Amino acid sequence: MPAPLLALAGRRGTWGAMAPKTRKQDPRSAELQSLGARIKKWRTTAGLTQAGLAERLDISVAYVSLIERGGRNPPITTVAAIARALGVTASLLVE
C-alpha cells in the first residue's frame, strides 16, 4: 500500500465520532425572530407569498425565508423596503 494510503488506513470510522460544531446563540435572536414573525404576519395579511414579496423587493425567496425565521439581521433599508412593499410603516415591523 502506498505511504499516503497507509496513513489514512487507521482512520476509518472516525468521522462519525467527531463532535458536532455548536453555534453561539445570537443575543439578538429573540428580537430577530419577533421581527420575522411580524413581517410574516403582515405579508400573509397582504395576501403575498414569500415569492411575491421577494419579487417586489428584488431579493431571493431564501433571503425572505431567513428573515422571517430570524436567521438574518436585515439592514434598516431592507426593513423599510419590506414595509413599503407590504403597505405598512416600518415602525409596525420593528415595534
Protein backbone atom coordinates (compact mmCIF):
# COMPACT_ATOMS: atom_id res chain seq x y z
CA MET A 1 0.00 0.00 0.00
CA PRO A 2 1.42 3.47 -0.86
CA ALA A 3 2.51 5.58 2.12
CA PRO A 4 -0.34 8.18 1.93
CA LEU A 5 -2.93 5.39 1.95
CA LEU A 6 -1.22 3.70 4.90
CA ALA A 7 -1.51 6.92 6.89
CA LEU A 8 -5.27 7.04 6.26
CA ALA A 9 -5.90 3.33 6.73
CA GLY A 10 -6.11 3.56 10.52
CA ARG A 11 -8.57 6.48 10.45
CA ARG A 12 -11.62 4.61 9.24
CA GLY A 13 -14.78 5.30 11.15
CA THR A 14 -13.52 8.39 12.96
CA TRP A 15 -15.74 10.84 11.06
CA GLY A 16 -18.86 9.62 12.85
CA ALA A 17 -17.19 10.12 16.22
CA MET A 18 -16.48 13.80 15.66
CA ALA A 19 -18.48 16.12 17.88
CA PRO A 20 -20.88 18.44 16.06
CA LYS A 21 -19.94 22.09 15.94
CA THR A 22 -22.10 24.27 18.11
CA ARG A 23 -23.05 27.78 17.14
CA LYS A 24 -23.16 30.57 19.63
CA GLN A 25 -26.66 31.86 20.26
CA ASP A 26 -27.01 35.37 18.87
CA PRO A 27 -28.17 37.60 21.74
CA ARG A 28 -30.44 39.35 19.26
CA SER A 29 -32.12 36.15 18.14
CA ALA A 30 -35.36 36.78 20.07
CA GLU A 31 -35.67 40.23 18.51
CA LEU A 32 -34.88 38.89 15.04
CA GLN A 33 -37.45 36.12 15.41
CA SER A 34 -40.01 38.67 16.56
CA LEU A 35 -39.24 40.91 13.57
CA GLY A 36 -39.55 37.93 11.24
CA ALA A 37 -42.89 36.92 12.76
CA ARG A 38 -44.27 40.44 12.26
CA ILE A 39 -43.06 40.52 8.65
CA LYS A 40 -44.70 37.15 8.03
CA LYS A 41 -47.94 38.32 9.67
CA TRP A 42 -48.16 41.44 7.51
CA ARG A 43 -47.09 39.52 4.38
CA THR A 44 -49.87 36.98 4.81
CA THR A 45 -52.35 39.74 5.67
CA ALA A 46 -51.39 41.41 2.39
CA GLY A 47 -52.06 38.11 0.60
CA LEU A 48 -48.48 37.70 -0.54
CA THR A 49 -46.33 34.61 -0.69
CA GLN A 50 -42.65 34.72 0.14
CA ALA A 51 -42.02 34.55 -3.60
CA GLY A 52 -44.33 37.50 -4.22
CA LEU A 53 -42.62 39.61 -1.57
CA ALA A 54 -39.19 38.61 -2.85
CA GLU A 55 -40.18 39.63 -6.37
CA ARG A 56 -41.40 43.04 -5.20
CA LEU A 57 -38.12 43.60 -3.36
CA ASP A 58 -35.85 42.03 -5.99
CA ILE A 59 -34.32 39.70 -3.40
CA SER A 60 -34.27 35.92 -3.17
CA VAL A 61 -37.04 33.85 -1.65
CA ALA A 62 -34.39 32.19 0.52
CA TYR A 63 -33.45 35.58 2.00
CA VAL A 64 -37.10 36.38 2.75
CA SER A 65 -37.42 32.99 4.43
CA LEU A 66 -34.29 33.56 6.52
CA ILE A 67 -35.53 36.97 7.64
CA GLU A 68 -38.93 35.55 8.61
CA ARG A 69 -37.27 32.76 10.62
CA GLY A 70 -34.97 35.20 12.40
CA GLY A 71 -31.91 33.82 10.67
CA ARG A 72 -30.76 37.14 9.24
CA ASN A 73 -30.47 40.66 10.60
CA PRO A 74 -31.62 42.74 7.64
CA PRO A 75 -30.34 46.30 7.27
CA ILE A 76 -32.80 49.10 8.04
CA THR A 77 -33.02 49.88 4.33
CA THR A 78 -34.31 46.36 3.68
CA VAL A 79 -36.79 46.61 6.56
CA ALA A 80 -38.03 49.92 5.13
CA ALA A 81 -38.36 48.36 1.65
CA ILE A 82 -40.28 45.40 3.11
CA ALA A 83 -42.62 47.82 4.91
CA ARG A 84 -43.27 49.75 1.68
CA ALA A 85 -43.91 46.52 -0.23
CA LEU A 86 -46.41 45.45 2.44
CA GLY A 87 -48.08 48.85 2.63
CA VAL A 88 -47.27 49.38 6.31
CA THR A 89 -44.91 51.62 8.23
CA ALA A 90 -41.52 50.33 9.27
CA SER A 91 -42.42 51.06 12.88
CA LEU A 92 -45.13 48.35 12.71
CA LEU A 93 -42.45 45.84 11.80
CA VAL A 94 -39.88 46.82 14.42
CA GLU A 95 -42.06 47.75 17.42
